[in-house]
Amino acid sequence: DKSRVILPAVAYGGDVTGAISSALKFLKHAVGNSKFCVGKADGTNADGNNEIDALGCGEANYDTSAPGDSYLEGDISADGFTKLTAVAAGNGHVGSNTCGVFKAITGNDGEAGGIKIATSNIKVHLAHGLIEGKVDDQPERAEFSNNFGQGKAHHTD
């Protein structure tokens, strides 16, 4: 029964779409001086903030439709979004010292800019875990290929 796949995908997809849009807006504007948080799509270590809008990563658009059988079964299963596998530290970042959001601060909370990243339990967590940071300048992505049911799409650890 395809409804077991399609209904959770639509529900979680809408939720995650909004979360991703919000996270990208946050990262797009979390810049200072020559630093940036969003890299160019071509893999260069250059500022990709202008590319975000061109790629359609602006406001989430829910006013679209598609034929009922148009989803790709290789992309969505009864368990989750099959291609959203984990991205470990070191693989998801643009370059060192480019985004203060993923830079640990020192001293007591509030004494310096940035977000305090000290251990795997204290981390930046955006878009339900699709973007998170445990290590300076190295955002990661949690496993999302098995996230339907049990509230797994609301990744909170």
N, C-alpha and C. Protein backbone atom coordinates (compact mmCIF):
# COMPACT_ATOMS: atom_id res chain seq x y z
N ASP A 1 0.85 -1.19 0.00
CA ASP A 1 0.00 0.00 0.00
C ASP A 1 0.89 1.24 0.00
N LYS A 2 0.84 1.99 -1.09
CA LYS A 2 1.70 3.16 -1.22
C LYS A 2 1.38 4.26 -0.23
N SER A 3 0.17 4.25 0.33
CA SER A 3 -0.17 5.30 1.29
C SER A 3 0.71 5.22 2.53
N ARG A 4 1.21 4.03 2.87
CA ARG A 4 2.13 3.89 4.01
C ARG A 4 3.45 4.62 3.76
N VAL A 5 3.79 4.82 2.51
CA VAL A 5 5.01 5.54 2.15
C VAL A 5 4.70 7.01 1.89
N ILE A 6 3.66 7.27 1.13
CA ILE A 6 3.38 8.63 0.68
C ILE A 6 2.92 9.55 1.81
N LEU A 7 2.00 9.10 2.65
CA LEU A 7 1.48 9.97 3.71
C LEU A 7 2.55 10.43 4.69
N PRO A 8 3.38 9.54 5.25
CA PRO A 8 4.45 10.04 6.13
C PRO A 8 5.44 10.93 5.38
N ALA A 9 5.73 10.59 4.11
CA ALA A 9 6.67 11.39 3.34
C ALA A 9 6.17 12.81 3.15
N VAL A 10 4.87 12.95 2.86
CA VAL A 10 4.30 14.29 2.69
C VAL A 10 4.35 15.05 4.00
N ALA A 11 3.96 14.40 5.09
CA ALA A 11 3.94 15.07 6.39
C ALA A 11 5.34 15.49 6.81
N TYR A 12 6.27 14.53 6.82
CA TYR A 12 7.63 14.86 7.23
C TYR A 12 8.32 15.76 6.21
N GLY A 13 8.01 15.56 4.93
CA GLY A 13 8.61 16.39 3.89
C GLY A 13 8.26 17.86 4.05
N GLY A 14 6.99 18.15 4.34
CA GLY A 14 6.58 19.54 4.57
C GLY A 14 7.25 20.12 5.79
N ASP A 15 7.33 19.34 6.86
CA ASP A 15 7.98 19.79 8.09
C ASP A 15 9.46 20.07 7.86
N VAL A 16 10.14 19.14 7.21
CA VAL A 16 11.57 19.29 6.97
C VAL A 16 11.85 20.40 5.96
N THR A 17 10.97 20.57 4.96
CA THR A 17 11.14 21.66 3.99
C THR A 17 11.17 23.00 4.69
N GLY A 18 10.23 23.22 5.58
CA GLY A 18 10.21 24.46 6.34
C GLY A 18 11.44 24.61 7.21
N ALA A 19 11.88 23.52 7.83
CA ALA A 19 13.05 23.58 8.69
C ALA A 19 14.32 23.88 7.90
N ILE A 20 14.44 23.27 6.72
CA ILE A 20 15.61 23.53 5.87
C ILE A 20 15.61 24.98 5.40
N SER A 21 14.46 25.45 4.95
CA SER A 21 14.34 26.84 4.50
C SER A 21 14.74 27.80 5.60
N SER A 22 14.26 27.54 6.80
CA SER A 22 14.60 28.39 7.94
C SER A 22 16.09 28.34 8.25
N ALA A 23 16.67 27.14 8.23
CA ALA A 23 18.10 27.00 8.52
C ALA A 23 18.95 27.70 7.48
N LEU A 24 18.59 27.56 6.19
CA LEU A 24 19.36 28.22 5.14
C LEU A 24 19.28 29.74 5.25
N LYS A 25 18.10 30.25 5.60
CA LYS A 25 17.98 31.70 5.80
C LYS A 25 18.88 32.15 6.94
N PHE A 26 18.87 31.38 8.02
CA PHE A 26 19.72 31.70 9.17
C PHE A 26 21.19 31.71 8.77
N LEU A 27 21.64 30.66 8.08
CA LEU A 27 23.05 30.58 7.68
C LEU A 27 23.41 31.64 6.65
N LYS A 28 22.47 31.96 5.77
CA LYS A 28 22.73 32.98 4.75
C LYS A 28 23.04 34.32 5.39
N HIS A 29 22.37 34.61 6.49
CA HIS A 29 22.55 35.92 7.13
C HIS A 29 23.51 35.89 8.31
N ALA A 30 24.04 34.72 8.65
CA ALA A 30 24.98 34.62 9.77
C ALA A 30 26.40 34.82 9.25
N VAL A 31 26.68 36.02 8.79
CA VAL A 31 27.98 36.31 8.19
C VAL A 31 28.59 37.53 8.87
N GLY A 32 29.86 37.69 8.64
CA GLY A 32 30.54 38.87 9.15
C GLY A 32 31.83 39.08 8.40
N ASN A 33 32.12 40.31 8.06
CA ASN A 33 33.33 40.64 7.29
C ASN A 33 33.37 39.79 6.02
N SER A 34 34.45 39.08 5.79
CA SER A 34 34.56 38.27 4.58
C SER A 34 34.16 36.81 4.83
N LYS A 35 33.64 36.54 6.00
CA LYS A 35 33.28 35.17 6.33
C LYS A 35 31.88 34.85 5.81
N PHE A 36 31.59 33.56 5.65
CA PHE A 36 30.29 33.15 5.16
C PHE A 36 29.98 31.76 5.69
N CYS A 37 28.70 31.41 5.68
CA CYS A 37 28.27 30.10 6.18
C CYS A 37 27.79 29.18 5.08
N VAL A 38 27.48 29.70 3.92
CA VAL A 38 26.96 28.89 2.83
C VAL A 38 27.95 28.92 1.68
N GLY A 39 28.46 27.74 1.28
CA GLY A 39 29.45 27.68 0.22
C GLY A 39 28.83 27.56 -1.15
N LYS A 40 29.61 27.84 -2.19
CA LYS A 40 29.12 27.75 -3.56
C LYS A 40 28.89 26.29 -3.95
N ALA A 41 27.92 26.08 -4.81
CA ALA A 41 27.54 24.73 -5.22
C ALA A 41 28.63 24.05 -6.04
N ASP A 42 29.52 24.81 -6.68
CA ASP A 42 30.53 24.19 -7.55
C ASP A 42 31.71 23.61 -6.78
N GLY A 43 31.66 23.68 -5.45
CA GLY A 43 32.71 23.08 -4.65
C GLY A 43 33.86 24.00 -4.30
N THR A 44 33.87 25.21 -4.84
CA THR A 44 34.92 26.14 -4.47
C THR A 44 34.66 26.66 -3.07
N ASN A 45 35.69 27.11 -2.41
CA ASN A 45 35.54 27.67 -1.07
C ASN A 45 35.15 29.13 -1.16
N ALA A 46 34.11 29.41 -1.91
CA ALA A 46 33.67 30.79 -2.11
C ALA A 46 32.28 30.98 -1.53
N ASP A 47 31.95 32.23 -1.28
CA ASP A 47 30.67 32.60 -0.69
C ASP A 47 29.53 32.20 -1.62
N GLY A 48 28.63 31.37 -1.14
CA GLY A 48 27.51 30.91 -1.95
C GLY A 48 26.19 31.55 -1.60
N ASN A 49 26.22 32.63 -0.82
CA ASN A 49 24.97 33.26 -0.41
C ASN A 49 24.11 33.69 -1.59
N ASN A 50 24.72 34.22 -2.65
CA ASN A 50 23.94 34.66 -3.81
C ASN A 50 23.36 33.48 -4.58
N GLU A 51 24.00 32.32 -4.49
CA GLU A 51 23.50 31.13 -5.18
C GLU A 51 22.25 30.56 -4.53
N ILE A 52 22.08 30.81 -3.25
CA ILE A 52 20.96 30.22 -2.53
C ILE A 52 19.63 30.58 -3.18
N ASP A 53 19.43 31.86 -3.47
CA ASP A 53 18.18 32.28 -4.10
C ASP A 53 18.04 31.71 -5.51
N ALA A 54 19.14 31.70 -6.26
CA ALA A 54 19.09 31.20 -7.64
C ALA A 54 18.76 29.71 -7.68
N LEU A 55 19.13 28.98 -6.65
CA LEU A 55 18.85 27.54 -6.60
C LEU A 55 17.45 27.24 -6.10
N GLY A 56 16.71 28.29 -5.78
CA GLY A 56 15.34 28.08 -5.32
C GLY A 56 15.23 27.75 -3.86
N CYS A 57 16.22 28.11 -3.09
CA CYS A 57 16.22 27.81 -1.66
C CYS A 57 15.69 28.98 -0.84
N GLY A 58 14.66 29.62 -1.34
CA GLY A 58 14.06 30.72 -0.61
C GLY A 58 12.90 30.24 0.24
N GLU A 59 11.79 30.93 0.14
CA GLU A 59 10.60 30.53 0.90
C GLU A 59 10.11 29.16 0.43
N ALA A 60 9.68 28.34 1.37
CA ALA A 60 9.12 27.04 1.02
C ALA A 60 7.81 27.24 0.26
N ASN A 61 7.64 26.52 -0.86
CA ASN A 61 6.44 26.63 -1.68
C ASN A 61 5.63 25.35 -1.55
N TYR A 62 4.49 25.44 -0.89
CA TYR A 62 3.65 24.27 -0.70
C TYR A 62 2.52 24.21 -1.72
N ASP A 63 2.46 25.16 -2.63
CA ASP A 63 1.37 25.24 -3.60
C ASP A 63 1.74 24.54 -4.90
N THR A 64 2.34 23.38 -4.81
CA THR A 64 2.68 22.62 -6.00
C THR A 64 2.00 21.25 -5.91
N SER A 65 1.83 20.63 -7.04
CA SER A 65 1.24 19.30 -7.03
C SER A 65 1.96 18.43 -8.05
N ALA A 66 1.80 17.14 -7.88
CA ALA A 66 2.41 16.18 -8.80
C ALA A 66 1.49 14.97 -8.89
N PRO A 67 1.56 14.23 -9.99
CA PRO A 67 0.75 13.02 -10.09
C PRO A 67 1.04 12.08 -8.92
N GLY A 68 0.07 11.31 -8.51
CA GLY A 68 0.20 10.45 -7.34
C GLY A 68 1.34 9.46 -7.40
N ASP A 69 1.71 8.99 -8.57
CA ASP A 69 2.77 8.00 -8.68
C ASP A 69 4.11 8.61 -9.10
N SER A 70 4.26 9.92 -8.93
CA SER A 70 5.46 10.56 -9.47
C SER A 70 6.66 10.51 -8.52
N TYR A 71 6.47 10.10 -7.28
CA TYR A 71 7.63 10.06 -6.39
C TYR A 71 8.56 8.92 -6.80
N LEU A 72 9.82 9.09 -6.52
CA LEU A 72 10.80 8.09 -6.89
C LEU A 72 10.94 7.09 -5.74
N GLU A 73 10.61 5.85 -6.00
CA GLU A 73 10.65 4.85 -4.94
C GLU A 73 12.05 4.66 -4.39
N GLY A 74 13.06 4.99 -5.15
CA GLY A 74 14.43 4.90 -4.65
C GLY A 74 14.80 6.03 -3.70
N ASP A 75 13.98 7.08 -3.67
CA ASP A 75 14.24 8.22 -2.79
C ASP A 75 13.47 8.15 -1.49
N ILE A 76 12.29 7.53 -1.52
CA ILE A 76 11.42 7.47 -0.35
C ILE A 76 11.00 6.02 -0.14
N SER A 77 11.13 5.55 1.08
CA SER A 77 10.66 4.20 1.41
C SER A 77 9.71 4.30 2.59
N ALA A 78 9.19 3.18 3.03
CA ALA A 78 8.30 3.17 4.20
C ALA A 78 9.06 3.57 5.46
N ASP A 79 10.39 3.55 5.42
CA ASP A 79 11.21 3.88 6.59
C ASP A 79 11.66 5.33 6.63
N GLY A 80 11.86 5.96 5.48
CA GLY A 80 12.36 7.33 5.49
C GLY A 80 12.84 7.78 4.13
N PHE A 81 13.64 8.85 4.14
CA PHE A 81 14.22 9.41 2.92
C PHE A 81 15.54 8.69 2.68
N THR A 82 15.54 7.71 1.79
CA THR A 82 16.64 6.76 1.67
C THR A 82 17.99 7.37 1.31
N LYS A 83 18.00 8.50 0.62
CA LYS A 83 19.27 9.08 0.19
C LYS A 83 19.87 10.05 1.20
N LEU A 84 19.13 10.35 2.27
CA LEU A 84 19.65 11.28 3.28
C LEU A 84 20.41 10.49 4.34
N THR A 85 21.58 10.01 3.94
CA THR A 85 22.42 9.28 4.88
C THR A 85 23.28 10.27 5.65
N ALA A 86 23.96 9.78 6.65
CA ALA A 86 24.76 10.65 7.52
C ALA A 86 25.94 11.25 6.76
N VAL A 87 26.32 12.46 7.14
CA VAL A 87 27.54 13.11 6.65
C VAL A 87 28.37 13.41 7.89
N ALA A 88 29.55 12.82 7.96
CA ALA A 88 30.39 12.96 9.14
C ALA A 88 31.15 14.28 9.13
N ALA A 89 31.66 14.64 10.29
CA ALA A 89 32.46 15.87 10.41
C ALA A 89 33.61 15.82 9.42
N GLY A 90 33.89 16.93 8.82
CA GLY A 90 34.97 17.00 7.85
C GLY A 90 34.50 16.90 6.42
N ASN A 91 33.32 16.31 6.19
CA ASN A 91 32.83 16.15 4.83
C ASN A 91 31.82 17.20 4.42
N GLY A 92 31.17 17.84 5.39
CA GLY A 92 30.09 18.75 5.05
C GLY A 92 30.43 20.21 5.16
N HIS A 93 31.69 20.54 5.36
CA HIS A 93 32.03 21.95 5.57
C HIS A 93 32.71 22.56 4.36
N VAL A 94 32.60 23.86 4.27
CA VAL A 94 33.17 24.58 3.14
C VAL A 94 34.67 24.76 3.32
N GLY A 95 35.08 25.27 4.44
CA GLY A 95 36.48 25.52 4.72
C GLY A 95 36.62 26.00 6.14
N SER A 96 37.82 26.03 6.64
CA SER A 96 38.02 26.44 8.02
C SER A 96 37.79 27.94 8.18
N ASN A 97 37.32 28.30 9.36
CA ASN A 97 37.12 29.70 9.74
C ASN A 97 36.21 30.48 8.81
N THR A 98 35.17 29.84 8.30
CA THR A 98 34.27 30.55 7.40
C THR A 98 32.92 30.87 8.01
N CYS A 99 32.51 30.17 9.05
CA CYS A 99 31.18 30.40 9.61
C CYS A 99 31.22 30.33 11.12
N GLY A 100 31.02 31.48 11.76
CA GLY A 100 31.06 31.55 13.21
C GLY A 100 30.00 30.72 13.90
N VAL A 101 28.93 30.37 13.20
CA VAL A 101 27.88 29.54 13.79
C VAL A 101 28.46 28.20 14.21
N PHE A 102 29.41 27.70 13.46
CA PHE A 102 30.00 26.40 13.75
C PHE A 102 31.38 26.54 14.39
N LYS A 103 31.58 27.62 15.12
CA LYS A 103 32.85 27.86 15.78
C LYS A 103 32.63 27.86 17.28
N ALA A 104 33.39 27.05 18.00
CA ALA A 104 33.24 27.01 19.45
C ALA A 104 33.69 28.32 20.07
N ILE A 105 33.02 28.72 21.15
CA ILE A 105 33.44 29.90 21.89
C ILE A 105 34.19 29.45 23.12
N THR A 106 34.95 30.33 23.69
CA THR A 106 35.68 30.02 24.91
C THR A 106 35.12 30.84 26.05
N GLY A 107 35.46 30.45 27.25
CA GLY A 107 34.98 31.19 28.41
C GLY A 107 33.55 30.85 28.75
N ASN A 108 32.97 31.66 29.61
CA ASN A 108 31.59 31.43 30.03
C ASN A 108 30.63 31.78 28.91
N ASP A 109 29.47 31.15 28.92
CA ASP A 109 28.44 31.44 27.92
C ASP A 109 28.15 32.93 27.89
N GLY A 110 28.04 33.48 26.70
CA GLY A 110 27.67 34.88 26.55
C GLY A 110 28.83 35.85 26.56
N GLU A 111 30.04 35.38 26.85
CA GLU A 111 31.19 36.28 26.88
C GLU A 111 31.79 36.52 25.51
N ALA A 112 31.50 35.63 24.57
CA ALA A 112 32.06 35.75 23.23
C ALA A 112 30.99 35.37 22.21
N GLY A 113 31.21 35.75 20.96
CA GLY A 113 30.26 35.41 19.92
C GLY A 113 30.28 33.94 19.60
N GLY A 114 29.29 33.49 18.89
CA GLY A 114 29.24 32.10 18.47
C GLY A 114 28.38 31.26 19.39
N ILE A 115 28.35 29.99 19.12
CA ILE A 115 27.58 29.04 19.91
C ILE A 115 28.55 28.10 20.58
N LYS A 116 28.33 27.82 21.84
CA LYS A 116 29.27 26.98 22.57
C LYS A 116 29.16 25.54 22.10
N ILE A 117 30.23 25.03 21.54
CA ILE A 117 30.33 23.64 21.12
C ILE A 117 31.46 23.05 21.93
N ALA A 118 31.14 22.15 22.84
CA ALA A 118 32.18 21.61 23.71
C ALA A 118 32.30 20.10 23.60
N THR A 119 31.19 19.40 23.51
CA THR A 119 31.20 17.94 23.42
C THR A 119 30.13 17.53 22.43
N SER A 120 30.03 16.22 22.23
CA SER A 120 29.00 15.74 21.31
C SER A 120 27.60 16.01 21.83
N ASN A 121 27.46 16.33 23.10
CA ASN A 121 26.14 16.63 23.66
C ASN A 121 25.79 18.10 23.58
N ILE A 122 26.74 18.95 23.25
CA ILE A 122 26.50 20.39 23.12
C ILE A 122 26.83 20.75 21.68
N LYS A 123 25.80 21.00 20.88
CA LYS A 123 26.06 21.20 19.47
C LYS A 123 25.02 22.10 18.83
N VAL A 124 25.38 22.65 17.68
CA VAL A 124 24.44 23.39 16.85
C VAL A 124 23.54 22.36 16.19
N HIS A 125 22.23 22.62 16.18
CA HIS A 125 21.28 21.65 15.66
C HIS A 125 20.22 22.39 14.85
N LEU A 126 20.25 22.24 13.52
CA LEU A 126 19.32 22.94 12.64
C LEU A 126 18.58 21.95 11.75
N ALA A 127 17.39 22.32 11.34
CA ALA A 127 16.59 21.55 10.38
C ALA A 127 16.41 20.09 10.79
N HIS A 128 15.99 19.87 12.02
CA HIS A 128 15.73 18.53 12.55
C HIS A 128 16.94 17.61 12.43
N GLY A 129 18.13 18.14 12.51
CA GLY A 129 19.32 17.31 12.45
C GLY A 129 19.94 17.20 11.08
N LEU A 130 19.33 17.79 10.06
CA LEU A 130 19.95 17.75 8.74
C LEU A 130 21.23 18.56 8.71
N ILE A 131 21.33 19.56 9.59
CA ILE A 131 22.56 20.34 9.72
C ILE A 131 22.87 20.42 11.20
N GLU A 132 24.00 19.89 11.62
CA GLU A 132 24.40 20.00 13.01
C GLU A 132 25.91 20.11 13.10
N GLY A 133 26.38 20.68 14.19
CA GLY A 133 27.80 20.87 14.36
C GLY A 133 28.24 20.43 15.74
N LYS A 134 29.23 19.55 15.79
CA LYS A 134 29.81 19.11 17.05
C LYS A 134 31.26 19.56 17.16
N VAL A 135 31.86 19.84 16.01
CA VAL A 135 33.27 20.19 15.93
C VAL A 135 33.39 21.52 15.19
N ASP A 136 34.35 22.36 15.58
CA ASP A 136 34.55 23.65 14.92
C ASP A 136 34.54 23.52 13.41
N ASP A 137 33.79 24.40 12.76
CA ASP A 137 33.82 24.55 11.30
C ASP A 137 33.48 23.28 10.52
N GLN A 138 32.86 22.30 11.14
CA GLN A 138 32.59 21.05 10.43
C GLN A 138 31.14 20.59 10.64
N PRO A 139 30.19 21.22 9.97
CA PRO A 139 28.81 20.76 10.10
C PRO A 139 28.64 19.33 9.60
N GLU A 140 27.70 18.62 10.20
CA GLU A 140 27.42 17.24 9.85
C GLU A 140 25.95 17.10 9.50
N ARG A 141 25.57 15.92 9.03
CA ARG A 141 24.16 15.60 8.81
C ARG A 141 23.88 14.25 9.45
N ALA A 142 22.79 14.19 10.22
CA ALA A 142 22.39 12.94 10.85
C ALA A 142 21.76 12.00 9.83
N GLU A 143 21.71 10.74 10.17
CA GLU A 143 21.06 9.73 9.35
C GLU A 143 19.56 10.02 9.26
N PHE A 144 19.01 10.10 8.07
CA PHE A 144 17.58 10.37 7.89
C PHE A 144 16.90 9.33 7.02
N SER A 145 17.58 8.23 6.75
CA SER A 145 16.98 7.22 5.87
C SER A 145 16.05 6.27 6.62
N ASN A 146 15.99 6.41 7.94
CA ASN A 146 15.11 5.56 8.74
C ASN A 146 14.44 6.44 9.79
N ASN A 147 13.67 7.45 9.34
CA ASN A 147 13.15 8.44 10.28
C ASN A 147 11.64 8.51 10.38
N PHE A 148 10.90 7.69 9.66
CA PHE A 148 9.44 7.75 9.76
C PHE A 148 8.97 6.98 10.99
N GLY A 149 7.96 7.50 11.62
CA GLY A 149 7.40 6.84 12.80
C GLY A 149 8.23 7.08 14.04
N GLN A 150 7.67 6.79 15.17
CA GLN A 150 8.35 6.93 16.46
C GLN A 150 8.84 8.34 16.72
N GLY A 151 8.37 9.34 15.97
CA GLY A 151 8.83 10.71 16.16
C GLY A 151 10.25 10.92 15.72
N LYS A 152 10.78 10.01 14.90
CA LYS A 152 12.19 10.09 14.51
C LYS A 152 12.51 11.31 13.67
N ALA A 153 11.55 11.85 12.95
CA ALA A 153 11.82 13.02 12.13
C ALA A 153 12.08 14.24 13.00
N HIS A 154 11.65 14.17 14.23
CA HIS A 154 11.92 15.26 15.16
C HIS A 154 13.14 14.90 15.97
N HIS A 155 14.26 14.80 15.29
CA HIS A 155 15.55 14.41 15.82
C HIS A 155 15.95 15.40 16.92
N THR A 156 16.11 14.95 18.14
CA THR A 156 16.35 15.89 19.24
C THR A 156 17.63 15.66 20.00
N ASP A 157 18.39 14.62 19.72
CA ASP A 157 19.59 14.41 20.54
C ASP A 157 20.71 15.34 20.15
